[in-house]
């Protein structure tokens, strides 16, 4: 049964020109870099420095697997792109909310006034 699931999984990837293991590797492999970027962003925001570069790094890590899908994939159904767009928008909103909370908490710990 496990072999048939693996065959179906690989066939699905072949149909769309994407290796599911590469996609999964990028998806999982980007998580530590995303978390490091968020930590970097929080530290820089707490210190009152620019957060542009860490934000760009975090954003790249967040969408890196989907970039692979966009570059390598072919004939991806439209519903997949809509689904991914919803995931990315929700994930971005959630990350922004949580990051703002972490920055506010970090500033509260140091006794700095917050601007909200």
PDB file of N, CA and C in Angstrom:
ATOM      1  N   UNK A   1       0.826  -1.191   0.000  1.00  0.00           N
ATOM      2  CA  UNK A   1       0.000   0.000   0.000  1.00  0.00           C
ATOM      3  C   UNK A   1       0.873   1.258   0.000  1.00  0.00           C
ATOM      4  N   UNK A   2       1.936   1.250   0.803  1.00  0.00           N
ATOM      5  CA  UNK A   2       2.834   2.405   0.863  1.00  0.00           C
ATOM      6  C   UNK A   2       3.478   2.658  -0.494  1.00  0.00           C
ATOM      7  N   UNK A   3       3.808   1.578  -1.199  1.00  0.00           N
ATOM      8  CA  UNK A   3       4.409   1.719  -2.527  1.00  0.00           C
ATOM      9  C   UNK A   3       3.427   2.344  -3.504  1.00  0.00           C
ATOM     10  N   UNK A   4       2.158   1.992  -3.420  1.00  0.00           N
ATOM     11  CA  UNK A   4       1.170   2.564  -4.343  1.00  0.00           C
ATOM     12  C   UNK A   4       0.929   4.046  -4.050  1.00  0.00           C
ATOM     13  N   UNK A   5       0.975   4.428  -2.769  1.00  0.00           N
ATOM     14  CA  UNK A   5       0.841   5.846  -2.417  1.00  0.00           C
ATOM     15  C   UNK A   5       2.035   6.628  -2.951  1.00  0.00           C
ATOM     16  N   UNK A   6       3.227   6.073  -2.792  1.00  0.00           N
ATOM     17  CA  UNK A   6       4.436   6.718  -3.307  1.00  0.00           C
ATOM     18  C   UNK A   6       4.370   6.850  -4.828  1.00  0.00           C
ATOM     19  N   UNK A   7       3.902   5.812  -5.517  1.00  0.00           N
ATOM     20  CA  UNK A   7       3.768   5.866  -6.979  1.00  0.00           C
ATOM     21  C   UNK A   7       2.782   6.946  -7.401  1.00  0.00           C
ATOM     22  N   UNK A   8       1.645   7.029  -6.700  1.00  0.00           N
ATOM     23  CA  UNK A   8       0.649   8.061  -7.008  1.00  0.00           C
ATOM     24  C   UNK A   8       1.234   9.450  -6.781  1.00  0.00           C
ATOM     25  N   UNK A   9       1.953   9.609  -5.669  1.00  0.00           N
ATOM     26  CA  UNK A   9       2.568  10.882  -5.310  1.00  0.00           C
ATOM     27  C   UNK A   9       3.556  11.326  -6.380  1.00  0.00           C
ATOM     28  N   UNK A  10       4.417  10.408  -6.815  1.00  0.00           N
ATOM     29  CA  UNK A  10       5.406  10.735  -7.844  1.00  0.00           C
ATOM     30  C   UNK A  10       4.748  10.977  -9.195  1.00  0.00           C
ATOM     31  N   UNK A  11       3.691  10.236  -9.499  1.00  0.00           N
ATOM     32  CA  UNK A  11       2.977  10.442 -10.767  1.00  0.00           C
ATOM     33  C   UNK A  11       2.316  11.813 -10.801  1.00  0.00           C
ATOM     34  N   UNK A  12       1.790  12.236  -9.684  1.00  0.00           N
ATOM     35  CA  UNK A  12       1.181  13.558  -9.603  1.00  0.00           C
ATOM     36  C   UNK A  12       2.223  14.633  -9.887  1.00  0.00           C
ATOM     37  N   UNK A  13       3.403  14.475  -9.320  1.00  0.00           N
ATOM     38  CA  UNK A  13       4.482  15.417  -9.576  1.00  0.00           C
ATOM     39  C   UNK A  13       4.916  15.406 -11.023  1.00  0.00           C
ATOM     40  N   UNK A  14       5.000  14.226 -11.618  1.00  0.00           N
ATOM     41  CA  UNK A  14       5.403  14.109 -13.024  1.00  0.00           C
ATOM     42  C   UNK A  14       4.376  14.775 -13.935  1.00  0.00           C
ATOM     43  N   UNK A  15       3.105  14.657 -13.575  1.00  0.00           N
ATOM     44  CA  UNK A  15       2.042  15.267 -14.386  1.00  0.00           C
ATOM     45  C   UNK A  15       2.181  16.778 -14.451  1.00  0.00           C
ATOM     46  N   UNK A  16       2.664  17.366 -13.370  1.00  0.00           N
ATOM     47  CA  UNK A  16       2.772  18.824 -13.297  1.00  0.00           C
ATOM     48  C   UNK A  16       4.208  19.330 -13.398  1.00  0.00           C
ATOM     49  N   UNK A  17       5.151  18.446 -13.647  1.00  0.00           N
ATOM     50  CA  UNK A  17       6.539  18.852 -13.854  1.00  0.00           C
ATOM     51  C   UNK A  17       7.275  19.234 -12.591  1.00  0.00           C
ATOM     52  N   UNK A  18       6.779  18.793 -11.454  1.00  0.00           N
ATOM     53  CA  UNK A  18       7.378  19.154 -10.166  1.00  0.00           C
ATOM     54  C   UNK A  18       7.728  17.873  -9.418  1.00  0.00           C
ATOM     55  N   UNK A  19       8.923  17.805  -8.885  1.00  0.00           N
ATOM     56  CA  UNK A  19       9.302  16.670  -8.062  1.00  0.00           C
ATOM     57  C   UNK A  19       8.773  16.931  -6.647  1.00  0.00           C
ATOM     58  N   UNK A  20       7.834  16.117  -6.174  1.00  0.00           N
ATOM     59  CA  UNK A  20       7.249  16.366  -4.856  1.00  0.00           C
ATOM     60  C   UNK A  20       8.271  16.339  -3.723  1.00  0.00           C
ATOM     61  N   UNK A  21       9.325  15.526  -3.879  1.00  0.00           N
ATOM     62  CA  UNK A  21      10.338  15.469  -2.831  1.00  0.00           C
ATOM     63  C   UNK A  21      11.169  16.758  -2.795  1.00  0.00           C
ATOM     64  N   UNK A  22      11.449  17.329  -3.949  1.00  0.00           N
ATOM     65  CA  UNK A  22      12.162  18.611  -3.982  1.00  0.00           C
ATOM     66  C   UNK A  22      11.278  19.706  -3.391  1.00  0.00           C
ATOM     67  N   UNK A  23       9.999  19.710  -3.792  1.00  0.00           N
ATOM     68  CA  UNK A  23       9.060  20.691  -3.247  1.00  0.00           C
ATOM     69  C   UNK A  23       9.006  20.569  -1.721  1.00  0.00           C
ATOM     70  N   UNK A  24       8.840  19.351  -1.231  1.00  0.00           N
ATOM     71  CA  UNK A  24       8.781  19.127   0.219  1.00  0.00           C
ATOM     72  C   UNK A  24      10.078  19.491   0.913  1.00  0.00           C
ATOM     73  N   UNK A  25      11.204  19.187   0.264  1.00  0.00           N
ATOM     74  CA  UNK A  25      12.503  19.535   0.840  1.00  0.00           C
ATOM     75  C   UNK A  25      12.688  21.034   0.963  1.00  0.00           C
ATOM     76  N   UNK A  26      12.271  21.755  -0.067  1.00  0.00           N
ATOM     77  CA  UNK A  26      12.352  23.224  -0.013  1.00  0.00           C
ATOM     78  C   UNK A  26      11.414  23.746   1.069  1.00  0.00           C
ATOM     79  N   UNK A  27      10.204  23.212   1.104  1.00  0.00           N
ATOM     80  CA  UNK A  27       9.197  23.659   2.057  1.00  0.00           C
ATOM     81  C   UNK A  27       9.683  23.478   3.496  1.00  0.00           C
ATOM     82  N   UNK A  28      10.168  22.287   3.816  1.00  0.00           N
ATOM     83  CA  UNK A  28      10.637  21.989   5.168  1.00  0.00           C
ATOM     84  C   UNK A  28      11.990  22.650   5.436  1.00  0.00           C
ATOM     85  N   UNK A  29      12.867  22.643   4.434  1.00  0.00           N
ATOM     86  CA  UNK A  29      14.198  23.211   4.603  1.00  0.00           C
ATOM     87  C   UNK A  29      14.201  24.712   4.811  1.00  0.00           C
ATOM     88  N   UNK A  30      13.165  25.400   4.339  1.00  0.00           N
ATOM     89  CA  UNK A  30      13.101  26.852   4.491  1.00  0.00           C
ATOM     90  C   UNK A  30      12.649  27.271   5.887  1.00  0.00           C
ATOM     91  N   UNK A  31      12.031  26.367   6.627  1.00  0.00           N
ATOM     92  CA  UNK A  31      11.483  26.722   7.945  1.00  0.00           C
ATOM     93  C   UNK A  31      12.544  27.280   8.887  1.00  0.00           C
ATOM     94  N   UNK A  32      13.702  26.634   9.066  1.00  0.00           N
ATOM     95  CA  UNK A  32      14.699  27.214   9.991  1.00  0.00           C
ATOM     96  C   UNK A  32      15.173  28.600   9.554  1.00  0.00           C
ATOM     97  N   UNK A  33      15.328  28.791   8.252  1.00  0.00           N
ATOM     98  CA  UNK A  33      15.771  30.096   7.753  1.00  0.00           C
ATOM     99  C   UNK A  33      14.681  31.150   7.950  1.00  0.00           C
ATOM    100  N   UNK A  34      13.429  30.747   7.793  1.00  0.00           N
ATOM    101  CA  UNK A  34      12.312  31.652   8.045  1.00  0.00           C
ATOM    102  C   UNK A  34      12.323  32.079   9.515  1.00  0.00           C
ATOM    103  N   UNK A  35      12.465  31.118  10.414  1.00  0.00           N
ATOM    104  CA  UNK A  35      12.470  31.441  11.843  1.00  0.00           C
ATOM    105  C   UNK A  35      13.661  32.317  12.225  1.00  0.00           C
ATOM    106  N   UNK A  36      14.823  32.042  11.650  1.00  0.00           N
ATOM    107  CA  UNK A  36      15.989  32.888  11.901  1.00  0.00           C
ATOM    108  C   UNK A  36      15.747  34.307  11.396  1.00  0.00           C
ATOM    109  N   UNK A  37      15.112  34.430  10.228  1.00  0.00           N
ATOM    110  CA  UNK A  37      14.809  35.754   9.676  1.00  0.00           C
ATOM    111  C   UNK A  37      13.843  36.516  10.565  1.00  0.00           C
ATOM    112  N   UNK A  38      12.852  35.816  11.110  1.00  0.00           N
ATOM    113  CA  UNK A  38      11.901  36.471  12.013  1.00  0.00           C
ATOM    114  C   UNK A  38      12.607  36.931  13.288  1.00  0.00           C
ATOM    115  N   UNK A  39      13.485  36.095  13.815  1.00  0.00           N
ATOM    116  CA  UNK A  39      14.257  36.500  14.991  1.00  0.00           C
ATOM    117  C   UNK A  39      15.114  37.711  14.705  1.00  0.00           C
ATOM    118  N   UNK A  40      15.746  37.715  13.548  1.00  0.00           N
ATOM    119  CA  UNK A  40      16.571  38.847  13.121  1.00  0.00           C
ATOM    120  C   UNK A  40      15.711  40.102  13.000  1.00  0.00           C
ATOM    121  N   UNK A  41      14.521  39.945  12.405  1.00  0.00           N
ATOM    122  CA  UNK A  41      13.598  41.063  12.224  1.00  0.00           C
ATOM    123  C   UNK A  41      13.185  41.633  13.580  1.00  0.00           C
ATOM    124  N   UNK A  42      12.840  40.775  14.527  1.00  0.00           N
ATOM    125  CA  UNK A  42      12.413  41.228  15.854  1.00  0.00           C
ATOM    126  C   UNK A  42      13.538  41.972  16.553  1.00  0.00           C
ATOM    127  N   UNK A  43      14.741  41.427  16.491  1.00  0.00           N
ATOM    128  CA  UNK A  43      15.887  42.106  17.132  1.00  0.00           C
ATOM    129  C   UNK A  43      16.119  43.488  16.526  1.00  0.00           C
ATOM    130  N   UNK A  44      16.076  43.564  15.203  1.00  0.00           N
ATOM    131  CA  UNK A  44      16.326  44.860  14.549  1.00  0.00           C
ATOM    132  C   UNK A  44      15.206  45.850  14.870  1.00  0.00           C
ATOM    133  N   UNK A  45      13.973  45.383  14.882  1.00  0.00           N
ATOM    134  CA  UNK A  45      12.854  46.284  15.210  1.00  0.00           C
ATOM    135  C   UNK A  45      12.956  46.763  16.645  1.00  0.00           C
ATOM    136  N   UNK A  46      13.316  45.860  17.554  1.00  0.00           N
ATOM    137  CA  UNK A  46      13.476  46.224  18.965  1.00  0.00           C
ATOM    138  C   UNK A  46      14.566  47.263  19.138  1.00  0.00           C
ATOM    139  N   UNK A  47      15.616  47.153  18.310  1.00  0.00           N
ATOM    140  CA  UNK A  47      16.729  48.104  18.384  1.00  0.00           C
ATOM    141  C   UNK A  47      16.462  49.387  17.599  1.00  0.00           C
ATOM    142  N   UNK A  48      15.307  49.468  16.940  1.00  0.00           N
ATOM    143  CA  UNK A  48      14.960  50.663  16.175  1.00  0.00           C
ATOM    144  C   UNK A  48      15.686  50.774  14.852  1.00  0.00           C
ATOM    145  N   UNK A  49      16.175  49.646  14.334  1.00  0.00           N
ATOM    146  CA  UNK A  49      16.892  49.655  13.050  1.00  0.00           C
ATOM    147  C   UNK A  49      15.984  49.169  11.933  1.00  0.00           C
ATOM    148  N   UNK A  50      16.422  49.342  10.715  1.00  0.00           N
ATOM    149  CA  UNK A  50      15.643  48.939   9.545  1.00  0.00           C
ATOM    150  C   UNK A  50      15.376  47.437   9.548  1.00  0.00           C
ATOM    151  N   UNK A  51      14.159  47.068   9.178  1.00  0.00           N
ATOM    152  CA  UNK A  51      13.772  45.657   9.111  1.00  0.00           C
ATOM    153  C   UNK A  51      13.528  45.191   7.678  1.00  0.00           C
ATOM    154  N   UNK A  52      13.957  45.978   6.706  1.00  0.00           N
ATOM    155  CA  UNK A  52      13.679  45.659   5.306  1.00  0.00           C
ATOM    156  C   UNK A  52      14.331  44.338   4.891  1.00  0.00           C
ATOM    157  N   UNK A  53      15.617  44.185   5.135  1.00  0.00           N
ATOM    158  CA  UNK A  53      16.322  42.981   4.683  1.00  0.00           C
ATOM    159  C   UNK A  53      15.805  41.728   5.385  1.00  0.00           C
ATOM    160  N   UNK A  54      15.646  41.729   6.724  1.00  0.00           N
ATOM    161  CA  UNK A  54      15.099  40.521   7.337  1.00  0.00           C
ATOM    162  C   UNK A  54      13.666  40.216   6.893  1.00  0.00           C
ATOM    163  N   UNK A  55      12.892  41.245   6.612  1.00  0.00           N
ATOM    164  CA  UNK A  55      11.533  41.025   6.119  1.00  0.00           C
ATOM    165  C   UNK A  55      11.569  40.374   4.742  1.00  0.00           C
ATOM    166  N   UNK A  56      12.453  40.856   3.873  1.00  0.00           N
ATOM    167  CA  UNK A  56      12.587  40.251   2.544  1.00  0.00           C
ATOM    168  C   UNK A  56      13.068  38.806   2.646  1.00  0.00           C
ATOM    169  N   UNK A  57      14.013  38.551   3.542  1.00  0.00           N
ATOM    170  CA  UNK A  57      14.512  37.176   3.730  1.00  0.00           C
ATOM    171  C   UNK A  57      13.395  36.266   4.228  1.00  0.00           C
ATOM    172  N   UNK A  58      12.645  36.722   5.204  1.00  0.00           N
ATOM    173  CA  UNK A  58      11.543  35.921   5.732  1.00  0.00           C
ATOM    174  C   UNK A  58      10.497  35.670   4.651  1.00  0.00           C
ATOM    175  N   UNK A  59      10.185  36.694   3.877  1.00  0.00           N
ATOM    176  CA  UNK A  59       9.211  36.535   2.795  1.00  0.00           C
ATOM    177  C   UNK A  59       9.675  35.554   1.746  1.00  0.00           C
ATOM    178  N   UNK A  60      10.953  35.619   1.388  1.00  0.00           N
ATOM    179  CA  UNK A  60      11.495  34.679   0.410  1.00  0.00           C
ATOM    180  C   UNK A  60      11.407  33.247   0.928  1.00  0.00           C
ATOM    181  N   UNK A  61      11.781  33.054   2.179  1.00  0.00           N
ATOM    182  CA  UNK A  61      11.705  31.712   2.769  1.00  0.00           C
ATOM    183  C   UNK A  61      10.267  31.219   2.813  1.00  0.00           C
ATOM    184  N   UNK A  62       9.348  32.126   3.083  1.00  0.00           N
ATOM    185  CA  UNK A  62       7.928  31.780   3.190  1.00  0.00           C
ATOM    186  C   UNK A  62       7.367  31.279   1.868  1.00  0.00           C
ATOM    187  N   UNK A  63       7.805  31.845   0.751  1.00  0.00           N
ATOM    188  CA  UNK A  63       7.236  31.476  -0.556  1.00  0.00           C
ATOM    189  C   UNK A  63       8.181  30.649  -1.418  1.00  0.00           C
ATOM    190  N   UNK A  64       9.320  30.243  -0.898  1.00  0.00           N
ATOM    191  CA  UNK A  64      10.332  29.575  -1.723  1.00  0.00           C
ATOM    192  C   UNK A  64       9.821  28.303  -2.391  1.00  0.00           C
ATOM    193  N   UNK A  65       9.071  27.476  -1.698  1.00  0.00           N
ATOM    194  CA  UNK A  65       8.542  26.247  -2.309  1.00  0.00           C
ATOM    195  C   UNK A  65       7.561  26.583  -3.428  1.00  0.00           C
ATOM    196  N   UNK A  66       6.783  27.640  -3.236  1.00  0.00           N
ATOM    197  CA  UNK A  66       5.815  28.037  -4.265  1.00  0.00           C
ATOM    198  C   UNK A  66       6.514  28.661  -5.461  1.00  0.00           C
ATOM    199  N   UNK A  67       7.661  29.298  -5.221  1.00  0.00           N
ATOM    200  CA  UNK A  67       8.462  29.802  -6.341  1.00  0.00           C
ATOM    201  C   UNK A  67       8.962  28.634  -7.184  1.00  0.00           C
ATOM    202  N   UNK A  68       9.395  27.564  -6.516  1.00  0.00           N
ATOM    203  CA  UNK A  68       9.803  26.358  -7.244  1.00  0.00           C
ATOM    204  C   UNK A  68       8.639  25.829  -8.069  1.00  0.00           C
ATOM    205  N   UNK A  69       7.453  25.785  -7.482  1.00  0.00           N
ATOM    206  CA  UNK A  69       6.268  25.335  -8.201  1.00  0.00           C
ATOM    207  C   UNK A  69       5.985  26.224  -9.411  1.00  0.00           C
ATOM    208  N   UNK A  70       6.121  27.526  -9.238  1.00  0.00           N
ATOM    209  CA  UNK A  70       5.851  28.465 -10.333  1.00  0.00           C
ATOM    210  C   UNK A  70       6.879  28.336 -11.452  1.00  0.00           C
ATOM    211  N   UNK A  71       8.140  28.078 -11.091  1.00  0.00           N
ATOM    212  CA  UNK A  71       9.198  27.986 -12.104  1.00  0.00           C
ATOM    213  C   UNK A  71       9.203  26.622 -12.782  1.00  0.00           C
ATOM    214  N   UNK A  72       9.143  25.556 -12.007  1.00  0.00           N
ATOM    215  CA  UNK A  72       9.276  24.207 -12.569  1.00  0.00           C
ATOM    216  C   UNK A  72       7.952  23.619 -13.029  1.00  0.00           C
ATOM    217  N   UNK A  73       6.860  24.055 -12.430  1.00  0.00           N
ATOM    218  CA  UNK A  73       5.561  23.446 -12.720  1.00  0.00           C
ATOM    219  C   UNK A  73       5.006  23.827 -14.076  1.00  0.00           C
ATOM    220  N   UNK A  74       4.152  22.948 -14.566  1.00  0.00           N
ATOM    221  CA  UNK A  74       3.441  23.222 -15.818  1.00  0.00           C
ATOM    222  C   UNK A  74       2.031  22.663 -15.685  1.00  0.00           C
ATOM    223  N   UNK A  75       1.102  23.349 -16.320  1.00  0.00           N
ATOM    224  CA  UNK A  75      -0.311  22.940 -16.311  1.00  0.00           C
ATOM    225  C   UNK A  75      -0.873  22.801 -14.896  1.00  0.00           C
ATOM    226  N   UNK A  76      -0.440  23.670 -14.002  1.00  0.00           N
ATOM    227  CA  UNK A  76      -0.964  23.659 -12.638  1.00  0.00           C
ATOM    228  C   UNK A  76      -2.399  24.194 -12.708  1.00  0.00           C
ATOM    229  N   UNK A  77      -3.367  23.461 -12.148  1.00  0.00           N
ATOM    230  CA  UNK A  77      -4.761  23.931 -12.193  1.00  0.00           C
ATOM    231  C   UNK A  77      -4.931  25.287 -11.502  1.00  0.00           C
ATOM    232  N   UNK A  78      -5.854  26.072 -12.002  1.00  0.00           N
ATOM    233  CA  UNK A  78      -6.100  27.410 -11.466  1.00  0.00           C
ATOM    234  C   UNK A  78      -6.510  27.333  -9.994  1.00  0.00           C
ATOM    235  N   UNK A  79      -7.288  26.309  -9.625  1.00  0.00           N
ATOM    236  CA  UNK A  79      -7.726  26.216  -8.235  1.00  0.00           C
ATOM    237  C   UNK A  79      -6.537  26.086  -7.282  1.00  0.00           C
ATOM    238  N   UNK A  80      -5.443  25.477  -7.740  1.00  0.00           N
ATOM    239  CA  UNK A  80      -4.248  25.342  -6.895  1.00  0.00           C
ATOM    240  C   UNK A  80      -3.664  26.717  -6.619  1.00  0.00           C
ATOM    241  N   UNK A  81      -3.603  27.569  -7.650  1.00  0.00           N
ATOM    242  CA  UNK A  81      -3.055  28.915  -7.465  1.00  0.00           C
ATOM    243  C   UNK A  81      -3.927  29.739  -6.522  1.00  0.00           C
ATOM    244  N   UNK A  82      -5.256  29.596  -6.636  1.00  0.00           N
ATOM    245  CA  UNK A  82      -6.154  30.305  -5.707  1.00  0.00           C
ATOM    246  C   UNK A  82      -5.947  29.807  -4.278  1.00  0.00           C
ATOM    247  N   UNK A  83      -5.844  28.504  -4.118  1.00  0.00           N
ATOM    248  CA  UNK A  83      -5.625  27.917  -2.801  1.00  0.00           C
ATOM    249  C   UNK A  83      -4.305  28.401  -2.217  1.00  0.00           C
ATOM    250  N   UNK A  84      -3.257  28.397  -3.021  1.00  0.00           N
ATOM    251  CA  UNK A  84      -1.952  28.866  -2.551  1.00  0.00           C
ATOM    252  C   UNK A  84      -1.985  30.344  -2.210  1.00  0.00           C
ATOM    253  N   UNK A  85      -2.716  31.129  -3.004  1.00  0.00           N
ATOM    254  CA  UNK A  85      -2.832  32.565  -2.715  1.00  0.00           C
ATOM    255  C   UNK A  85      -3.494  32.779  -1.358  1.00  0.00           C
ATOM    256  N   UNK A  86      -4.541  32.010  -1.073  1.00  0.00           N
ATOM    257  CA  UNK A  86      -5.206  32.122   0.232  1.00  0.00           C
ATOM    258  C   UNK A  86      -4.249  31.725   1.344  1.00  0.00           C
ATOM    259  N   UNK A  87      -3.488  30.639   1.145  1.00  0.00           N
ATOM    260  CA  UNK A  87      -2.517  30.214   2.152  1.00  0.00           C
ATOM    261  C   UNK A  87      -1.453  31.282   2.395  1.00  0.00           C
ATOM    262  N   UNK A  88      -0.945  31.875   1.324  1.00  0.00           N
ATOM    263  CA  UNK A  88       0.105  32.887   1.460  1.00  0.00           C
ATOM    264  C   UNK A  88      -0.435  34.131   2.153  1.00  0.00           C
ATOM    265  N   UNK A  89      -1.628  34.584   1.770  1.00  0.00           N
ATOM    266  CA  UNK A  89      -2.206  35.778   2.397  1.00  0.00           C
ATOM    267  C   UNK A  89      -2.467  35.522   3.877  1.00  0.00           C
ATOM    268  N   UNK A  90      -3.054  34.375   4.193  1.00  0.00           N
ATOM    269  CA  UNK A  90      -3.303  34.062   5.601  1.00  0.00           C
ATOM    270  C   UNK A  90      -1.987  33.928   6.377  1.00  0.00           C
ATOM    271  N   UNK A  91      -1.032  33.248   5.794  1.00  0.00           N
ATOM    272  CA  UNK A  91       0.260  33.077   6.453  1.00  0.00           C
ATOM    273  C   UNK A  91       0.965  34.407   6.681  1.00  0.00           C
ATOM    274  N   UNK A  92       0.901  35.296   5.691  1.00  0.00           N
ATOM    275  CA  UNK A  92       1.517  36.616   5.838  1.00  0.00           C
ATOM    276  C   UNK A  92       0.828  37.405   6.944  1.00  0.00           C
ATOM    277  N   UNK A  93      -0.495  37.401   6.939  1.00  0.00           N
ATOM    278  CA  UNK A  93      -1.253  38.113   7.975  1.00  0.00           C
ATOM    279  C   UNK A  93      -0.912  37.571   9.359  1.00  0.00           C
ATOM    280  N   UNK A  94      -0.897  36.256   9.487  1.00  0.00           N
ATOM    281  CA  UNK A  94      -0.599  35.617  10.763  1.00  0.00           C
ATOM    282  C   UNK A  94       0.828  35.932  11.224  1.00  0.00           C
ATOM    283  N   UNK A  95       1.776  35.882  10.295  1.00  0.00           N
ATOM    284  CA  UNK A  95       3.174  36.161  10.628  1.00  0.00           C
ATOM    285  C   UNK A  95       3.360  37.615  11.042  1.00  0.00           C
ATOM    286  N   UNK A  96       2.739  38.527  10.326  1.00  0.00           N
ATOM    287  CA  UNK A  96       2.835  39.946  10.670  1.00  0.00           C
ATOM    288  C   UNK A  96       2.259  40.184  12.060  1.00  0.00           C
ATOM    289  N   UNK A  97       1.094  39.597  12.330  1.00  0.00           N
ATOM    290  CA  UNK A  97       0.457  39.758  13.645  1.00  0.00           C
ATOM    291  C   UNK A  97       1.358  39.220  14.751  1.00  0.00           C
ATOM    292  N   UNK A  98       1.873  38.013  14.564  1.00  0.00           N
ATOM    293  CA  UNK A  98       2.723  37.401  15.590  1.00  0.00           C
ATOM    294  C   UNK A  98       4.041  38.146  15.765  1.00  0.00           C
ATOM    295  N   UNK A  99       4.613  38.620  14.660  1.00  0.00           N
ATOM    296  CA  UNK A  99       5.874  39.362  14.738  1.00  0.00           C
ATOM    297  C   UNK A  99       5.676  40.683  15.455  1.00  0.00           C
ATOM    298  N   UNK A 100       4.593  41.362  15.170  1.00  0.00           N
ATOM    299  CA  UNK A 100       4.305  42.616  15.881  1.00  0.00           C
ATOM    300  C   UNK A 100       4.144  42.362  17.376  1.00  0.00           C
ATOM    301  N   UNK A 101       3.499  41.249  17.716  1.00  0.00           N
ATOM    302  CA  UNK A 101       3.332  40.898  19.120  1.00  0.00           C
ATOM    303  C   UNK A 101       4.689  40.625  19.775  1.00  0.00           C
ATOM    304  N   UNK A 102       5.563  39.913  19.076  1.00  0.00           N
ATOM    305  CA  UNK A 102       6.892  39.620  19.623  1.00  0.00           C
ATOM    306  C   UNK A 102       7.697  40.897  19.815  1.00  0.00           C
ATOM    307  N   UNK A 103       7.593  41.811  18.866  1.00  0.00           N
ATOM    308  CA  UNK A 103       8.309  43.086  18.986  1.00  0.00           C
ATOM    309  C   UNK A 103       7.779  43.870  20.176  1.00  0.00           C
ATOM    310  N   UNK A 104       6.450  43.912  20.318  1.00  0.00           N
ATOM    311  CA  UNK A 104       5.853  44.640  21.443  1.00  0.00           C
ATOM    312  C   UNK A 104       6.249  43.997  22.769  1.00  0.00           C
ATOM    313  N   UNK A 105       6.247  42.668  22.820  1.00  0.00           N
ATOM    314  CA  UNK A 105       6.647  41.974  24.047  1.00  0.00           C
ATOM    315  C   UNK A 105       8.115  42.251  24.378  1.00  0.00           C
ATOM    316  N   UNK A 106       8.965  42.246  23.357  1.00  0.00           N
ATOM    317  CA  UNK A 106      10.392  42.507  23.578  1.00  0.00           C
ATOM    318  C   UNK A 106      10.601  43.924  24.080  1.00  0.00           C
ATOM    319  N   UNK A 107       9.853  44.868  23.531  1.00  0.00           N
ATOM    320  CA  UNK A 107       9.979  46.250  23.996  1.00  0.00           C
ATOM    321  C   UNK A 107       9.439  46.407  25.403  1.00  0.00           C
ATOM    322  N   UNK A 108       8.376  45.686  25.728  1.00  0.00           N
ATOM    323  CA  UNK A 108       7.800  45.761  27.074  1.00  0.00           C
ATOM    324  C   UNK A 108       8.768  45.208  28.110  1.00  0.00           C
ATOM    325  N   UNK A 109       9.508  44.172  27.740  1.00  0.00           N
ATOM    326  CA  UNK A 109      10.488  43.589  28.657  1.00  0.00           C
ATOM    327  C   UNK A 109      11.614  44.564  28.971  1.00  0.00           C
ATOM    328  N   UNK A 110      11.961  45.403  27.998  1.00  0.00           N
ATOM    329  CA  UNK A 110      13.048  46.362  28.216  1.00  0.00           C
ATOM    330  C   UNK A 110      12.538  47.694  28.735  1.00  0.00           C
ATOM    331  N   UNK A 111      11.201  47.832  28.835  1.00  0.00           N
ATOM    332  CA  UNK A 111      10.631  49.061  29.350  1.00  0.00           C
ATOM    333  C   UNK A 111      10.521  50.176  28.326  1.00  0.00           C
ATOM    334  N   UNK A 112      10.722  49.849  27.046  1.00  0.00           N
ATOM    335  CA  UNK A 112      10.601  50.859  26.003  1.00  0.00           C
ATOM    336  C   UNK A 112       9.141  51.114  25.690  1.00  0.00           C
ATOM    337  N   UNK A 113       8.783  52.349  25.345  1.00  0.00           N
ATOM    338  CA  UNK A 113       7.385  52.617  24.956  1.00  0.00           C
ATOM    339  C   UNK A 113       7.111  51.995  23.584  1.00  0.00           C
ATOM    340  N   UNK A 114       5.888  51.468  23.432  1.00  0.00           N
ATOM    341  CA  UNK A 114       5.486  50.892  22.156  1.00  0.00           C
ATOM    342  C   UNK A 114       4.607  51.853  21.414  1.00  0.00           C
ATOM    343  N   UNK A 115       4.628  51.782  20.109  1.00  0.00           N
ATOM    344  CA  UNK A 115       3.794  52.665  19.273  1.00  0.00           C
ATOM    345  C   UNK A 115       2.720  51.836  18.618  1.00  0.00           C
ATOM    346  N   UNK A 116       1.542  51.800  19.200  1.00  0.00           N
ATOM    347  CA  UNK A 116       0.425  51.059  18.598  1.00  0.00           C
ATOM    348  C   UNK A 116      -0.840  51.814  18.805  1.00  0.00           C
TER     349      UNK A 116
END
